[in-house]
Amino acid sequence: MNEVREGREMYFKNSPSQILSKIQGQPWFRWSAPMQSDESKRDQNLRCDYHNGVDHTTGQCRFLQTFLENQI
């Protein structure tokens, strides 16, 4: 996970989806809890692999971004 820090935000050279596919089998990896909001009210066109749900993309997932930042 080659990261680049710019100010207070961290940007990864690989996409969150690529990083997720590489780390999901690691013993320290933890999947996110499912989203609690009503799925029928979420955007069904967007899918997050980290939450295994809809409403945002894996690349937009703040929980995954935070998880990755905390691993560094």
C-alpha atoms as a PDB file:
ATOM      1  CA  MET A   1       0.000   0.000   0.000  1.00  0.00           C
ATOM      2  CA  ASN A   2       2.154   2.823  -1.187  1.00  0.00           C
ATOM      3  CA  GLU A   3       0.522   5.881   0.265  1.00  0.00           C
ATOM      4  CA  VAL A   4       1.004   9.564  -0.355  1.00  0.00           C
ATOM      5  CA  ARG A   5       0.169  12.013   2.430  1.00  0.00           C
ATOM      6  CA  GLU A   6      -1.079  15.418   1.375  1.00  0.00           C
ATOM      7  CA  GLY A   7      -1.989  17.668   4.266  1.00  0.00           C
ATOM      8  CA  ARG A   8      -4.279  15.725   6.588  1.00  0.00           C
ATOM      9  CA  GLU A   9      -5.660  13.396   3.909  1.00  0.00           C
ATOM     10  CA  MET A  10      -4.004  10.230   2.682  1.00  0.00           C
ATOM     11  CA  TYR A  11      -4.196   9.087  -0.931  1.00  0.00           C
ATOM     12  CA  PHE A  12      -3.234   5.589  -2.027  1.00  0.00           C
ATOM     13  CA  LYS A  13      -1.557   4.837  -5.340  1.00  0.00           C
ATOM     14  CA  ASN A  14      -3.861   1.835  -5.856  1.00  0.00           C
ATOM     15  CA  SER A  15      -7.641   2.116  -5.818  1.00  0.00           C
ATOM     16  CA  PRO A  16      -9.504   1.060  -2.666  1.00  0.00           C
ATOM     17  CA  SER A  17     -11.011  -1.852  -4.636  1.00  0.00           C
ATOM     18  CA  GLN A  18      -7.545  -3.097  -5.637  1.00  0.00           C
ATOM     19  CA  ILE A  19      -6.249  -2.786  -2.083  1.00  0.00           C
ATOM     20  CA  LEU A  20      -9.330  -4.535  -0.688  1.00  0.00           C
ATOM     21  CA  SER A  21      -8.880  -7.489  -3.043  1.00  0.00           C
ATOM     22  CA  LYS A  22      -5.264  -7.866  -1.893  1.00  0.00           C
ATOM     23  CA  ILE A  23      -5.808  -7.582   1.868  1.00  0.00           C
ATOM     24  CA  GLN A  24      -9.148  -9.287   2.475  1.00  0.00           C
ATOM     25  CA  GLY A  25      -7.490 -12.638   3.281  1.00  0.00           C
ATOM     26  CA  GLN A  26      -5.044 -11.228   5.817  1.00  0.00           C
ATOM     27  CA  PRO A  27      -5.532 -12.254   9.465  1.00  0.00           C
ATOM     28  CA  TRP A  28      -5.650  -8.624  10.624  1.00  0.00           C
ATOM     29  CA  PHE A  29      -8.340  -7.643   8.095  1.00  0.00           C
ATOM     30  CA  ARG A  30     -11.871  -7.012   9.378  1.00  0.00           C
ATOM     31  CA  TRP A  31     -14.958  -6.564   7.215  1.00  0.00           C
ATOM     32  CA  SER A  32     -17.191  -3.628   8.010  1.00  0.00           C
ATOM     33  CA  ALA A  33     -20.537  -4.176   9.669  1.00  0.00           C
ATOM     34  CA  PRO A  34     -23.445  -3.990   7.237  1.00  0.00           C
ATOM     35  CA  MET A  35     -24.999  -0.576   6.727  1.00  0.00           C
ATOM     36  CA  GLN A  36     -28.004  -0.010   8.972  1.00  0.00           C
ATOM     37  CA  SER A  37     -30.131   2.269   6.791  1.00  0.00           C
ATOM     38  CA  ASP A  38     -33.114   0.978   4.811  1.00  0.00           C
ATOM     39  CA  GLU A  39     -31.660  -0.618   1.669  1.00  0.00           C
ATOM     40  CA  SER A  40     -34.736   0.297  -0.409  1.00  0.00           C
ATOM     41  CA  LYS A  41     -33.892   3.990   0.113  1.00  0.00           C
ATOM     42  CA  ARG A  42     -30.277   3.629  -1.014  1.00  0.00           C
ATOM     43  CA  ASP A  43     -28.894   4.203  -4.511  1.00  0.00           C
ATOM     44  CA  GLN A  44     -29.083   0.713  -6.021  1.00  0.00           C
ATOM     45  CA  ASN A  45     -26.660   1.676  -8.823  1.00  0.00           C
ATOM     46  CA  LEU A  46     -23.721   2.054  -6.429  1.00  0.00           C
ATOM     47  CA  ARG A  47     -22.079  -0.915  -4.687  1.00  0.00           C
ATOM     48  CA  CYS A  48     -19.518  -1.056  -1.881  1.00  0.00           C
ATOM     49  CA  ASP A  49     -17.611  -4.336  -1.605  1.00  0.00           C
ATOM     50  CA  TYR A  50     -16.369  -3.436   1.879  1.00  0.00           C
ATOM     51  CA  HIS A  51     -19.922  -3.101   3.242  1.00  0.00           C
ATOM     52  CA  ASN A  52     -21.347  -5.709   0.865  1.00  0.00           C
ATOM     53  CA  GLY A  53     -24.142  -3.264   0.210  1.00  0.00           C
ATOM     54  CA  VAL A  54     -25.387  -0.424  -1.943  1.00  0.00           C
ATOM     55  CA  ASP A  55     -25.458   3.393  -1.690  1.00  0.00           C
ATOM     56  CA  HIS A  56     -21.826   4.262  -2.399  1.00  0.00           C
ATOM     57  CA  THR A  57     -18.901   2.739  -4.279  1.00  0.00           C
ATOM     58  CA  THR A  58     -15.930   0.984  -2.729  1.00  0.00           C
ATOM     59  CA  GLY A  59     -13.794   3.915  -3.882  1.00  0.00           C
ATOM     60  CA  GLN A  60     -16.047   6.382  -2.039  1.00  0.00           C
ATOM     61  CA  CYS A  61     -16.194   4.355   1.183  1.00  0.00           C
ATOM     62  CA  ARG A  62     -15.033   6.496   4.112  1.00  0.00           C
ATOM     63  CA  PHE A  63     -15.010   3.485   6.447  1.00  0.00           C
ATOM     64  CA  LEU A  64     -12.593   1.605   4.159  1.00  0.00           C
ATOM     65  CA  GLN A  65     -10.410   4.714   3.776  1.00  0.00           C
ATOM     66  CA  THR A  66     -10.245   5.101   7.560  1.00  0.00           C
ATOM     67  CA  PHE A  67      -9.520   1.401   8.046  1.00  0.00           C
ATOM     68  CA  LEU A  68      -6.629   1.548   5.556  1.00  0.00           C
ATOM     69  CA  GLU A  69      -5.195   4.717   7.106  1.00  0.00           C
ATOM     70  CA  ASN A  70      -5.276   3.094  10.545  1.00  0.00           C
ATOM     71  CA  GLN A  71      -3.290   0.121   9.269  1.00  0.00           C
ATOM     72  CA  ILE A  72      -0.341   2.317   8.344  1.00  0.00           C
END
